[in-house]
Amino acid sequence: MTELSRYFLYWRTTIARDREVIDAVVDPAHRGPSPELQQSLDEWQGPHYWSRADGDGRLILIRLLGSPQRERWWLHALLFVLTFGTVWMGGTLLAGSSLPLAFPFGVDYTQGSAELGRLLSELLASQQGFDFAMALMAILLAHESGHYILARRYALNASPPFFIPAPPVVNFIGTFGAFIRVRSPIADRRQLLDVGAAGPWAGFAVALIALVVGLLRSQVVGDAGPTSQFVFLGPYRLYLGDSPIMMLLRGELVGEGTVLLHPLAFAGWLGLFVTMLNLLPLGQLDGGHVLYALIGKRQGSVSALVWIGVVVLGILAARESSFVLALFWWMWAFVVLILGRGRLVHPHVLDRHRRLPVSRRLYGTATILLLVATFSPVPIYWV
């Protein structure tokens, strides 16, 4: 720090757990920056960025204190492989396989290894199931990697993604998603926005690719239903709701009529759905991060209204006898409270008064518009 302080008019240092955050005002002679300051910044052991929204010459530097935490990469790899396997099972069932819904727990092992071998062979031979697993896992990986890469850019102590496997008997798509843990405090609203919005945008980009490819492989069927697309889940039809993006792409790529979605298209639909759920401006969800970064402490009031809206969606679904959908919305409202430890107000960042630059405000606004583009108030219908 000594070699840099000669370029500053004054500075403030904040010690936060595993890092030192330095907020400095650079001498006008070295703004731009000067070649001398740029050389010192290149040698700085940690991230730095200019905070021009607070005036010309405002510089933020971050230095880590202590050694970085060692990660258990074997655990993350194992969870990824297990989740890929359960998602493959789910995709195989969605593709119309005769695998039992509770596979592998519903297999009668008393019939010998021949029956088990047949079921495993059917699983391995299911190209559509494999395609579904590849697409959905790519979407989840992109989403969590977006968070992870931006967190590492700011030298935050963040874990690699944890994937959560789920046998199809528990969740027919084979997973409960993925998450990362950010163990470091967030310095300001710029960091919070960048890390929070990166995941939804990365996952959305991959979901869009899967959706386009899958829609081109989907087929129009003659009979009408409560919505314009569905997938088979065993003998049942699961009709899927529309979002503005889904409606636009289906109309352009498939045409009019009720569409039986290819498993790839269903993976893309799930990617849009996951993006929408995460972007709801609630508490510790990605949308909560984005909204707090944009409007600060007022996020709490908006979050409370949105939470009530989610509960109301469940009530409206129950009145329409769609109890599965009602249970889903109520469970999601409960999960949000659990993640926020009973609170909907977003925790403060270290410097909540440091303003966002115009470019980040535009980015945050675009992220809110992404929520609108992927929003579906009635995502599923059971028939």
Protein backbone atom coordinates (compact mmCIF):
# COMPACT_ATOMS: atom_id res chain seq x y z
CA MET A 1 0.00 0.00 0.00
CA THR A 2 2.91 2.36 0.70
CA GLU A 3 3.95 2.51 -2.94
CA LEU A 4 0.40 3.41 -4.02
CA SER A 5 -0.45 5.95 -1.33
CA ARG A 6 1.80 8.59 -2.94
CA TYR A 7 -0.71 8.76 -5.82
CA PHE A 8 -3.67 9.48 -3.53
CA LEU A 9 -5.04 12.68 -2.05
CA TYR A 10 -6.65 10.62 0.71
CA TRP A 11 -8.00 7.12 1.23
CA ARG A 12 -10.07 4.95 3.57
CA THR A 13 -9.35 1.36 4.54
CA THR A 14 -11.98 -1.19 5.62
CA ILE A 15 -11.00 -4.60 7.02
CA ALA A 16 -13.71 -7.20 6.36
CA ARG A 17 -13.02 -10.77 7.44
CA ASP A 18 -10.63 -12.05 4.74
CA ARG A 19 -9.95 -8.82 2.80
CA GLU A 20 -8.92 -5.20 2.95
CA VAL A 21 -10.97 -2.77 0.85
CA ILE A 22 -9.30 0.56 0.06
CA ASP A 23 -11.39 3.48 -1.18
CA ALA A 24 -9.01 6.13 -2.54
CA VAL A 25 -9.22 9.49 -4.31
CA VAL A 26 -6.39 9.76 -6.83
CA ASP A 27 -4.32 12.93 -7.21
CA PRO A 28 -5.45 14.79 -10.37
CA ALA A 29 -1.93 14.51 -11.75
CA HIS A 30 -2.24 10.72 -11.82
CA ARG A 31 -5.81 10.29 -13.02
CA GLY A 32 -6.34 8.65 -16.35
CA PRO A 33 -4.29 6.82 -14.93
CA SER A 34 -0.74 8.10 -15.32
CA PRO A 35 1.90 5.61 -16.56
CA GLU A 36 3.42 5.49 -13.07
CA LEU A 37 0.11 4.70 -11.39
CA GLN A 38 -0.80 2.16 -14.06
CA GLN A 39 2.47 0.31 -13.49
CA SER A 40 1.80 0.21 -9.73
CA LEU A 41 -1.75 -1.05 -10.35
CA ASP A 42 -0.40 -3.79 -12.61
CA GLU A 43 1.78 -4.93 -9.72
CA TRP A 44 -1.07 -4.75 -7.18
CA GLN A 45 -1.88 -8.19 -5.72
CA GLY A 46 -5.65 -8.10 -6.03
CA PRO A 47 -8.53 -6.66 -8.08
CA HIS A 48 -9.14 -2.95 -8.51
CA TYR A 49 -11.61 -0.78 -10.39
CA TRP A 50 -12.55 2.88 -10.87
CA SER A 51 -15.77 4.15 -9.29
CA ARG A 52 -16.47 7.08 -11.60
CA ALA A 53 -20.08 7.42 -10.43
CA ASP A 54 -18.67 8.92 -7.20
CA GLY A 55 -16.59 11.47 -9.07
CA ASP A 56 -13.47 11.50 -11.16
CA GLY A 57 -10.46 9.81 -9.63
CA ARG A 58 -12.26 7.42 -7.24
CA LEU A 59 -10.38 4.10 -7.10
CA ILE A 60 -11.31 0.88 -5.26
CA LEU A 61 -8.60 -1.67 -4.43
CA ILE A 62 -9.02 -5.05 -2.77
CA ARG A 63 -6.30 -7.07 -1.09
CA LEU A 64 -6.76 -10.56 0.33
CA LEU A 65 -5.66 -11.28 3.89
CA GLY A 66 -4.39 -14.77 4.53
CA SER A 67 -4.29 -17.83 2.29
CA PRO A 68 -7.21 -18.77 0.02
CA GLN A 69 -9.44 -21.60 1.19
CA ARG A 70 -8.81 -25.03 -0.27
CA GLU A 71 -11.82 -26.48 -2.07
CA ARG A 72 -12.96 -30.10 -2.07
CA TRP A 73 -13.08 -30.43 -5.83
CA TRP A 74 -13.65 -34.18 -5.58
CA LEU A 75 -16.98 -33.53 -3.83
CA HIS A 76 -18.15 -31.07 -6.50
CA ALA A 77 -17.15 -33.49 -9.27
CA LEU A 78 -18.94 -36.40 -7.56
CA LEU A 79 -22.15 -34.38 -7.13
CA PHE A 80 -21.97 -33.31 -10.77
CA VAL A 81 -21.64 -36.92 -11.98
CA LEU A 82 -24.45 -38.15 -9.73
CA THR A 83 -26.72 -35.32 -10.82
CA PHE A 84 -25.94 -35.97 -14.48
CA GLY A 85 -26.99 -39.58 -13.95
CA THR A 86 -30.31 -38.75 -12.27
CA VAL A 87 -31.09 -36.09 -14.91
CA TRP A 88 -30.33 -38.67 -17.61
CA MET A 89 -32.88 -40.97 -15.97
CA GLY A 90 -35.43 -38.17 -15.93
CA GLY A 91 -34.80 -37.35 -19.58
CA THR A 92 -35.16 -40.99 -20.54
CA LEU A 93 -38.55 -41.18 -18.83
CA LEU A 94 -39.65 -37.97 -20.54
CA ALA A 95 -38.64 -39.48 -23.88
CA GLY A 96 -41.19 -42.26 -23.36
CA SER A 97 -38.98 -45.01 -21.96
CA SER A 98 -40.44 -47.99 -20.13
CA LEU A 99 -38.09 -47.37 -17.20
CA PRO A 100 -40.06 -47.38 -13.96
CA LEU A 101 -40.64 -43.88 -12.60
CA ALA A 102 -38.82 -44.83 -9.38
CA PHE A 103 -35.74 -46.13 -11.25
CA PRO A 104 -33.36 -47.27 -9.80
CA PHE A 105 -35.28 -47.66 -6.51
CA GLY A 106 -38.38 -49.16 -8.13
CA VAL A 107 -36.54 -52.04 -9.82
CA ASP A 108 -37.39 -55.56 -8.69
CA TYR A 109 -33.88 -56.88 -8.11
CA THR A 110 -35.25 -60.35 -7.30
CA GLN A 111 -35.75 -60.89 -11.03
CA GLY A 112 -32.01 -61.10 -11.42
CA SER A 113 -29.30 -59.18 -13.18
CA ALA A 114 -30.91 -59.69 -16.60
CA GLU A 115 -33.78 -57.32 -15.78
CA LEU A 116 -31.44 -54.74 -14.30
CA GLY A 117 -29.18 -55.06 -17.31
CA ARG A 118 -32.11 -54.48 -19.65
CA LEU A 119 -33.11 -51.32 -17.82
CA LEU A 120 -29.55 -50.00 -17.80
CA SER A 121 -29.20 -50.79 -21.50
CA GLU A 122 -32.39 -48.88 -22.21
CA LEU A 123 -31.05 -45.93 -20.24
CA LEU A 124 -27.71 -45.93 -22.07
CA ALA A 125 -29.44 -46.28 -25.43
CA SER A 126 -31.71 -43.28 -24.83
CA GLN A 127 -30.25 -40.53 -27.00
CA GLN A 128 -33.07 -38.14 -26.12
CA GLY A 129 -32.52 -38.75 -22.40
CA PHE A 130 -28.81 -38.08 -22.85
CA ASP A 131 -29.54 -34.92 -24.86
CA PHE A 132 -31.85 -33.71 -22.10
CA ALA A 133 -29.19 -34.33 -19.46
CA MET A 134 -26.51 -32.57 -21.52
CA ALA A 135 -28.71 -29.53 -22.10
CA LEU A 136 -30.09 -29.14 -18.58
CA MET A 137 -26.72 -29.72 -16.91
CA ALA A 138 -25.11 -27.22 -19.30
CA ILE A 139 -27.74 -24.64 -18.33
CA LEU A 140 -27.21 -25.21 -14.61
CA LEU A 141 -23.43 -25.23 -15.00
CA ALA A 142 -23.48 -22.01 -17.02
CA HIS A 143 -25.71 -20.31 -14.44
CA GLU A 144 -23.55 -21.20 -11.46
CA SER A 145 -20.29 -20.65 -13.36
CA GLY A 146 -21.48 -17.14 -14.19
CA HIS A 147 -21.77 -16.41 -10.47
CA TYR A 148 -18.49 -18.17 -9.69
CA ILE A 149 -16.38 -16.47 -12.37
CA LEU A 150 -17.59 -12.98 -11.46
CA ALA A 151 -17.08 -13.70 -7.77
CA ARG A 152 -13.51 -14.80 -8.46
CA ARG A 153 -12.97 -11.68 -10.57
CA TYR A 154 -13.58 -9.65 -7.42
CA ALA A 155 -11.45 -12.09 -5.38
CA LEU A 156 -14.47 -13.18 -3.36
CA ASN A 157 -14.19 -16.43 -1.44
CA ALA A 158 -16.73 -18.45 -3.44
CA SER A 159 -17.17 -22.20 -3.67
CA PRO A 160 -17.45 -24.11 -6.95
CA PRO A 161 -21.03 -25.21 -7.79
CA PHE A 162 -22.77 -27.79 -5.64
CA PHE A 163 -25.18 -29.88 -7.76
CA ILE A 164 -28.14 -31.55 -6.06
CA PRO A 165 -29.19 -34.94 -7.53
CA ALA A 166 -32.76 -36.19 -7.19
CA PRO A 167 -34.05 -39.63 -8.26
CA PRO A 168 -36.98 -39.28 -10.70
CA VAL A 169 -39.35 -40.71 -8.08
CA VAL A 170 -38.60 -37.58 -6.01
CA ASN A 171 -38.30 -35.04 -8.84
CA PHE A 172 -39.03 -36.19 -12.38
CA ILE A 173 -36.36 -33.95 -13.97
CA GLY A 174 -33.67 -35.56 -11.81
CA THR A 175 -32.29 -32.57 -9.89
CA PHE A 176 -33.10 -29.82 -7.43
CA GLY A 177 -30.65 -27.48 -9.13
CA ALA A 178 -27.29 -26.15 -8.04
CA PHE A 179 -25.78 -23.36 -5.97
CA ILE A 180 -22.52 -21.75 -4.93
CA ARG A 181 -21.54 -20.33 -1.55
CA VAL A 182 -20.07 -16.84 -1.34
CA ARG A 183 -18.22 -16.71 1.96
CA SER A 184 -16.78 -13.19 1.70
CA PRO A 185 -18.62 -9.94 2.39
CA ILE A 186 -19.60 -7.95 -0.72
CA ALA A 187 -17.83 -4.59 -0.89
CA ASP A 188 -20.41 -2.53 -2.78
CA ARG A 189 -23.49 -2.64 -4.98
CA ARG A 190 -21.44 -2.92 -8.18
CA GLN A 191 -19.95 -6.22 -7.02
CA LEU A 192 -23.36 -7.45 -5.89
CA LEU A 193 -24.96 -6.63 -9.25
CA ASP A 194 -22.18 -8.15 -11.32
CA VAL A 195 -22.12 -11.42 -9.35
CA GLY A 196 -25.89 -11.66 -8.96
CA ALA A 197 -26.82 -10.98 -12.59
CA ALA A 198 -24.07 -13.02 -14.23
CA GLY A 199 -25.69 -16.37 -13.40
CA PRO A 200 -29.14 -15.73 -14.90
CA TRP A 201 -27.67 -14.25 -18.08
CA ALA A 202 -25.21 -17.12 -18.60
CA GLY A 203 -27.89 -19.76 -17.95
CA PHE A 204 -30.37 -17.93 -20.17
CA ALA A 205 -27.91 -17.88 -23.09
CA VAL A 206 -27.43 -21.67 -22.94
CA ALA A 207 -31.16 -22.26 -22.39
CA LEU A 208 -31.93 -20.22 -25.49
CA ILE A 209 -29.66 -22.43 -27.61
CA ALA A 210 -31.22 -25.63 -26.23
CA LEU A 211 -34.71 -24.24 -26.76
CA VAL A 212 -34.13 -23.27 -30.39
CA VAL A 213 -32.54 -26.63 -31.27
CA GLY A 214 -35.25 -28.52 -29.36
CA LEU A 215 -38.15 -26.62 -30.94
CA LEU A 216 -36.82 -27.46 -34.39
CA ARG A 217 -37.09 -31.14 -33.37
CA SER A 218 -40.52 -30.81 -31.75
CA GLN A 219 -43.78 -31.74 -33.46
CA VAL A 220 -47.26 -30.28 -33.69
CA VAL A 221 -50.07 -32.60 -32.59
CA GLY A 222 -53.68 -32.14 -33.55
CA ASP A 223 -55.46 -32.18 -30.21
CA ALA A 224 -55.79 -28.98 -28.22
CA GLY A 225 -54.95 -28.57 -24.55
CA PRO A 226 -54.96 -25.87 -21.87
CA THR A 227 -51.64 -24.55 -23.22
CA SER A 228 -49.77 -24.75 -26.50
CA GLN A 229 -47.03 -27.19 -25.42
CA PHE A 230 -46.66 -30.30 -23.31
CA VAL A 231 -44.42 -33.25 -22.48
CA PHE A 232 -45.33 -36.80 -21.50
CA LEU A 233 -44.60 -38.00 -17.99
CA GLY A 234 -45.45 -41.68 -18.14
CA PRO A 235 -49.11 -41.93 -19.19
CA TYR A 236 -49.80 -38.33 -18.19
CA ARG A 237 -49.43 -35.07 -20.04
CA LEU A 238 -47.68 -32.19 -18.36
CA TYR A 239 -48.78 -28.98 -20.08
CA LEU A 240 -46.35 -26.10 -19.81
CA GLY A 241 -47.14 -22.42 -19.52
CA ASP A 242 -45.93 -19.66 -21.80
CA SER A 243 -43.51 -16.83 -21.23
CA PRO A 244 -43.14 -14.04 -23.81
CA ILE A 245 -39.90 -15.56 -25.12
CA MET A 246 -41.34 -19.07 -25.28
CA MET A 247 -44.42 -17.85 -27.13
CA LEU A 248 -42.33 -15.91 -29.65
CA LEU A 249 -39.88 -18.73 -30.40
CA ARG A 250 -42.55 -21.43 -30.64
CA GLY A 251 -44.56 -19.33 -33.09
CA GLU A 252 -41.52 -18.60 -35.25
CA LEU A 253 -39.91 -22.06 -35.23
CA VAL A 254 -42.84 -24.50 -34.95
CA GLY A 255 -46.01 -22.67 -35.94
CA GLU A 256 -49.61 -22.88 -34.76
CA GLY A 257 -51.04 -25.80 -32.82
CA THR A 258 -50.30 -27.75 -29.67
CA VAL A 259 -46.64 -28.84 -29.60
CA LEU A 260 -45.17 -32.00 -28.11
CA LEU A 261 -41.80 -30.71 -26.95
CA HIS A 262 -38.60 -32.60 -27.69
CA PRO A 263 -36.63 -33.23 -24.45
CA LEU A 264 -34.09 -30.62 -25.62
CA ALA A 265 -36.86 -28.05 -25.94
CA PHE A 266 -38.14 -29.03 -22.49
CA ALA A 267 -34.63 -28.50 -21.07
CA GLY A 268 -34.64 -25.06 -22.68
CA TRP A 269 -38.08 -24.33 -21.21
CA LEU A 270 -36.78 -25.38 -17.79
CA GLY A 271 -33.82 -23.04 -18.28
CA LEU A 272 -36.19 -20.12 -18.87
CA PHE A 273 -38.25 -21.20 -15.85
CA VAL A 274 -35.18 -21.40 -13.59
CA THR A 275 -34.07 -17.98 -14.83
CA MET A 276 -37.49 -16.55 -13.97
CA LEU A 277 -37.57 -18.09 -10.49
CA ASN A 278 -34.09 -16.84 -9.64
CA LEU A 279 -34.81 -13.34 -10.92
CA LEU A 280 -37.85 -12.80 -8.70
CA PRO A 281 -36.77 -9.77 -6.61
CA LEU A 282 -36.98 -11.63 -3.33
CA GLY A 283 -34.47 -11.62 -0.48
CA GLN A 284 -31.36 -13.62 -1.32
CA LEU A 285 -32.43 -14.72 -4.81
CA ASP A 286 -30.49 -13.36 -7.77
CA GLY A 287 -33.31 -10.91 -8.43
CA GLY A 288 -33.05 -9.71 -4.83
CA HIS A 289 -29.34 -9.02 -5.35
CA VAL A 290 -30.04 -7.10 -8.54
CA LEU A 291 -32.87 -5.04 -7.07
CA TYR A 292 -30.86 -4.15 -3.94
CA ALA A 293 -27.97 -3.07 -6.16
CA LEU A 294 -30.34 -0.80 -8.11
CA ILE A 295 -32.45 0.78 -5.35
CA GLY A 296 -30.73 -0.01 -2.06
CA LYS A 297 -32.77 -0.36 1.14
CA ARG A 298 -36.06 0.20 -0.73
CA GLN A 299 -35.64 -3.36 -2.01
CA GLY A 300 -37.22 -4.63 1.21
CA SER A 301 -40.60 -3.03 0.46
CA VAL A 302 -40.66 -4.32 -3.12
CA SER A 303 -39.59 -7.77 -1.94
CA ALA A 304 -42.47 -7.94 0.55
CA LEU A 305 -44.99 -7.06 -2.16
CA VAL A 306 -43.56 -9.66 -4.55
CA TRP A 307 -43.60 -12.32 -1.80
CA ILE A 308 -47.28 -11.61 -1.17
CA GLY A 309 -47.82 -11.88 -4.94
CA VAL A 310 -46.25 -15.35 -4.96
CA VAL A 311 -48.55 -16.47 -2.13
CA VAL A 312 -51.54 -15.04 -4.02
CA LEU A 313 -50.53 -16.99 -7.13
CA GLY A 314 -50.74 -20.13 -5.01
CA ILE A 315 -54.19 -19.16 -3.74
CA LEU A 316 -55.45 -18.50 -7.28
CA ALA A 317 -54.05 -21.86 -8.42
CA ALA A 318 -55.82 -23.63 -5.54
CA ARG A 319 -59.12 -21.99 -6.49
CA GLU A 320 -58.69 -23.41 -9.97
CA SER A 321 -58.12 -26.87 -8.42
CA SER A 322 -54.49 -26.83 -9.54
CA PHE A 323 -53.17 -27.98 -6.19
CA VAL A 324 -49.75 -29.07 -7.53
CA LEU A 325 -49.13 -25.55 -8.84
CA ALA A 326 -50.47 -23.99 -5.63
CA LEU A 327 -48.15 -26.16 -3.55
CA PHE A 328 -45.24 -25.18 -5.79
CA TRP A 329 -45.76 -21.41 -5.33
CA TRP A 330 -46.24 -21.79 -1.57
CA MET A 331 -43.13 -23.95 -1.29
CA TRP A 332 -41.12 -21.37 -3.25
CA ALA A 333 -42.34 -18.62 -0.91
CA PHE A 334 -41.24 -20.79 2.03
CA VAL A 335 -37.83 -21.50 0.45
CA VAL A 336 -37.24 -17.76 0.01
CA LEU A 337 -37.89 -17.24 3.72
CA ILE A 338 -35.52 -20.07 4.62
CA LEU A 339 -32.75 -18.61 2.43
CA GLY A 340 -33.24 -15.21 4.05
CA ARG A 341 -33.50 -16.70 7.57
CA GLY A 342 -37.03 -15.42 7.87
CA ARG A 343 -36.34 -12.02 6.31
CA LEU A 344 -37.09 -10.61 2.87
CA VAL A 345 -34.79 -7.60 3.28
CA HIS A 346 -31.43 -8.00 1.54
CA PRO A 347 -28.35 -7.76 3.81
CA HIS A 348 -26.28 -4.60 3.46
CA VAL A 349 -23.04 -4.53 1.50
CA LEU A 350 -19.97 -2.98 3.14
CA ASP A 351 -20.45 0.39 1.41
CA ARG A 352 -24.09 0.69 0.44
CA HIS A 353 -23.72 4.40 -0.34
CA ARG A 354 -21.25 3.90 -3.18
CA ARG A 355 -23.26 4.58 -6.31
CA LEU A 356 -23.63 2.41 -9.38
CA PRO A 357 -22.15 3.68 -12.64
CA VAL A 358 -24.58 4.33 -15.48
CA SER A 359 -23.43 1.21 -17.35
CA ARG A 360 -24.32 -0.98 -14.35
CA ARG A 361 -27.72 0.68 -13.98
CA LEU A 362 -28.48 -0.15 -17.60
CA TYR A 363 -27.28 -3.71 -17.00
CA GLY A 364 -29.48 -4.05 -13.92
CA THR A 365 -32.50 -2.68 -15.77
CA ALA A 366 -31.91 -5.14 -18.61
CA THR A 367 -31.80 -7.95 -16.03
CA ILE A 368 -35.19 -6.91 -14.64
CA LEU A 369 -36.53 -6.93 -18.22
CA LEU A 370 -35.17 -10.49 -18.56
CA LEU A 371 -37.46 -11.45 -15.67
CA VAL A 372 -40.42 -9.99 -17.57
CA ALA A 373 -39.43 -11.84 -20.76
CA THR A 374 -39.22 -15.22 -18.98
CA PHE A 375 -42.13 -14.81 -16.55
CA SER A 376 -44.92 -17.38 -16.56
CA PRO A 377 -47.53 -17.06 -13.77
CA VAL A 378 -49.04 -20.50 -14.54
CA PRO A 379 -46.05 -22.63 -15.57
CA ILE A 380 -47.61 -26.12 -15.36
CA TYR A 381 -50.94 -27.88 -15.83
CA TRP A 382 -51.48 -31.55 -14.99
CA VAL A 383 -53.83 -33.44 -17.35
